[in-house]
Amino acid sequence: MIRRFKFGEDFDISNVKVEKGIQQKDSSCRHLLVMTFVPIGAFFLLGAAMIGIYEGHFDKLEAVWVVLAAPFGAVMHYYFGAYKKGAEVN
């Protein structure tokens, strides 16, 4: 049995307008953060990998990846996720 609840009236969002300046500022800020975070993170991963090759074990690379994996995953999901491609996310 499926229950459906409805409180009040539906909110019509088709008439809601957001200023383009706010959207553009938000987009440029997000782009700046990503374009600084990804190269710096890649630099640290490369440095840790080089140290691992030199020392013969990759503990430092693992530690750096533990810190960077979640933010890198969030960036990849935002830019390459199914949500951007128009697929329906369940």
C-alpha atoms as a PDB file:
ATOM      1  CA  MET A   1       0.000   0.000   0.000  1.00  0.00           C
ATOM      2  CA  ILE A   2       1.464   3.343  -1.073  1.00  0.00           C
ATOM      3  CA  ARG A   3       0.611   6.392   0.960  1.00  0.00           C
ATOM      4  CA  ARG A   4       0.860   9.843  -0.521  1.00  0.00           C
ATOM      5  CA  PHE A   5       0.801  12.900   1.674  1.00  0.00           C
ATOM      6  CA  LYS A   6       0.163  16.410   0.499  1.00  0.00           C
ATOM      7  CA  PHE A   7       0.483  19.429   2.723  1.00  0.00           C
ATOM      8  CA  GLY A   8      -0.639  22.780   1.391  1.00  0.00           C
ATOM      9  CA  GLU A   9      -0.322  23.743  -2.247  1.00  0.00           C
ATOM     10  CA  ASP A  10       2.379  22.849  -4.741  1.00  0.00           C
ATOM     11  CA  PHE A  11       5.091  25.451  -5.059  1.00  0.00           C
ATOM     12  CA  ASP A  12       5.490  26.654  -8.643  1.00  0.00           C
ATOM     13  CA  ILE A  13       9.190  27.097  -9.379  1.00  0.00           C
ATOM     14  CA  SER A  14       8.799  27.978 -13.049  1.00  0.00           C
ATOM     15  CA  ASN A  15       8.485  31.679 -12.218  1.00  0.00           C
ATOM     16  CA  VAL A  16      11.450  31.799  -9.843  1.00  0.00           C
ATOM     17  CA  LYS A  17      14.316  33.769 -11.331  1.00  0.00           C
ATOM     18  CA  VAL A  18      17.884  33.759 -10.136  1.00  0.00           C
ATOM     19  CA  GLU A  19      20.121  36.615 -11.087  1.00  0.00           C
ATOM     20  CA  LYS A  20      22.681  35.635 -13.685  1.00  0.00           C
ATOM     21  CA  GLY A  21      25.392  37.437 -11.766  1.00  0.00           C
ATOM     22  CA  ILE A  22      24.944  35.122  -8.793  1.00  0.00           C
ATOM     23  CA  GLN A  23      24.990  32.002 -10.987  1.00  0.00           C
ATOM     24  CA  GLN A  24      28.046  33.220 -12.870  1.00  0.00           C
ATOM     25  CA  LYS A  25      29.874  34.134  -9.656  1.00  0.00           C
ATOM     26  CA  ASP A  26      29.039  30.753  -8.126  1.00  0.00           C
ATOM     27  CA  SER A  27      30.161  28.926 -11.260  1.00  0.00           C
ATOM     28  CA  SER A  28      33.429  30.846 -11.561  1.00  0.00           C
ATOM     29  CA  CYS A  29      34.198  30.319  -7.864  1.00  0.00           C
ATOM     30  CA  ARG A  30      33.555  26.580  -8.184  1.00  0.00           C
ATOM     31  CA  HIS A  31      35.713  26.450 -11.313  1.00  0.00           C
ATOM     32  CA  LEU A  32      38.547  28.300  -9.561  1.00  0.00           C
ATOM     33  CA  LEU A  33      38.422  25.954  -6.567  1.00  0.00           C
ATOM     34  CA  VAL A  34      38.499  22.867  -8.772  1.00  0.00           C
ATOM     35  CA  MET A  35      41.262  24.201 -11.006  1.00  0.00           C
ATOM     36  CA  THR A  36      43.466  24.920  -7.995  1.00  0.00           C
ATOM     37  CA  PHE A  37      42.610  21.823  -5.938  1.00  0.00           C
ATOM     38  CA  VAL A  38      43.062  19.191  -8.646  1.00  0.00           C
ATOM     39  CA  PRO A  39      46.576  20.235  -9.808  1.00  0.00           C
ATOM     40  CA  ILE A  40      47.794  20.729  -6.231  1.00  0.00           C
ATOM     41  CA  GLY A  41      46.380  17.336  -5.231  1.00  0.00           C
ATOM     42  CA  ALA A  42      47.939  15.709  -8.297  1.00  0.00           C
ATOM     43  CA  PHE A  43      51.266  17.332  -7.407  1.00  0.00           C
ATOM     44  CA  PHE A  44      51.147  15.859  -3.892  1.00  0.00           C
ATOM     45  CA  LEU A  45      50.164  12.430  -5.270  1.00  0.00           C
ATOM     46  CA  LEU A  46      53.041  12.529  -7.726  1.00  0.00           C
ATOM     47  CA  GLY A  47      55.465  13.603  -5.001  1.00  0.00           C
ATOM     48  CA  ALA A  48      54.293  10.829  -2.685  1.00  0.00           C
ATOM     49  CA  ALA A  49      54.610   8.300  -5.514  1.00  0.00           C
ATOM     50  CA  MET A  50      58.155   9.447  -6.249  1.00  0.00           C
ATOM     51  CA  ILE A  51      59.082   9.157  -2.567  1.00  0.00           C
ATOM     52  CA  GLY A  52      57.485   5.685  -2.552  1.00  0.00           C
ATOM     53  CA  ILE A  53      59.568   4.616  -5.546  1.00  0.00           C
ATOM     54  CA  TYR A  54      62.710   5.940  -3.874  1.00  0.00           C
ATOM     55  CA  GLU A  55      62.015   4.338  -0.469  1.00  0.00           C
ATOM     56  CA  GLY A  56      60.544   1.100  -1.791  1.00  0.00           C
ATOM     57  CA  HIS A  57      57.196   1.335   0.018  1.00  0.00           C
ATOM     58  CA  PHE A  58      54.135   3.427  -0.671  1.00  0.00           C
ATOM     59  CA  ASP A  59      52.811   4.289   2.787  1.00  0.00           C
ATOM     60  CA  LYS A  60      53.014   8.024   2.100  1.00  0.00           C
ATOM     61  CA  LEU A  61      51.138   7.654  -1.179  1.00  0.00           C
ATOM     62  CA  GLU A  62      48.404   5.754   0.607  1.00  0.00           C
ATOM     63  CA  ALA A  63      48.158   8.463   3.267  1.00  0.00           C
ATOM     64  CA  VAL A  64      47.913  11.218   0.656  1.00  0.00           C
ATOM     65  CA  TRP A  65      45.307   9.276  -1.300  1.00  0.00           C
ATOM     66  CA  VAL A  66      43.205   8.723   1.833  1.00  0.00           C
ATOM     67  CA  VAL A  67      43.017  12.499   2.235  1.00  0.00           C
ATOM     68  CA  LEU A  68      42.411  13.306  -1.443  1.00  0.00           C
ATOM     69  CA  ALA A  69      40.126  10.460  -2.539  1.00  0.00           C
ATOM     70  CA  ALA A  70      36.838  11.936  -1.295  1.00  0.00           C
ATOM     71  CA  PRO A  71      37.356  15.439  -2.741  1.00  0.00           C
ATOM     72  CA  PHE A  72      38.607  14.006  -6.047  1.00  0.00           C
ATOM     73  CA  GLY A  73      35.568  11.723  -6.149  1.00  0.00           C
ATOM     74  CA  ALA A  74      33.245  14.657  -5.496  1.00  0.00           C
ATOM     75  CA  VAL A  75      34.834  16.652  -8.309  1.00  0.00           C
ATOM     76  CA  MET A  76      34.628  13.732 -10.719  1.00  0.00           C
ATOM     77  CA  HIS A  77      31.013  13.094  -9.792  1.00  0.00           C
ATOM     78  CA  TYR A  78      30.087  16.731 -10.300  1.00  0.00           C
ATOM     79  CA  TYR A  79      31.733  17.062 -13.694  1.00  0.00           C
ATOM     80  CA  PHE A  80      31.270  13.543 -15.075  1.00  0.00           C
ATOM     81  CA  GLY A  81      28.365  12.104 -13.077  1.00  0.00           C
ATOM     82  CA  ALA A  82      25.078  10.798 -14.448  1.00  0.00           C
ATOM     83  CA  TYR A  83      23.288  13.897 -13.178  1.00  0.00           C
ATOM     84  CA  LYS A  84      25.040  16.092 -15.740  1.00  0.00           C
ATOM     85  CA  LYS A  85      24.424  13.693 -18.607  1.00  0.00           C
ATOM     86  CA  GLY A  86      20.649  13.902 -18.190  1.00  0.00           C
ATOM     87  CA  ALA A  87      20.198  10.392 -16.817  1.00  0.00           C
ATOM     88  CA  GLU A  88      17.721   9.940 -14.054  1.00  0.00           C
ATOM     89  CA  VAL A  89      19.321   9.290 -10.666  1.00  0.00           C
ATOM     90  CA  ASN A  90      17.365   7.027  -8.322  1.00  0.00           C
END
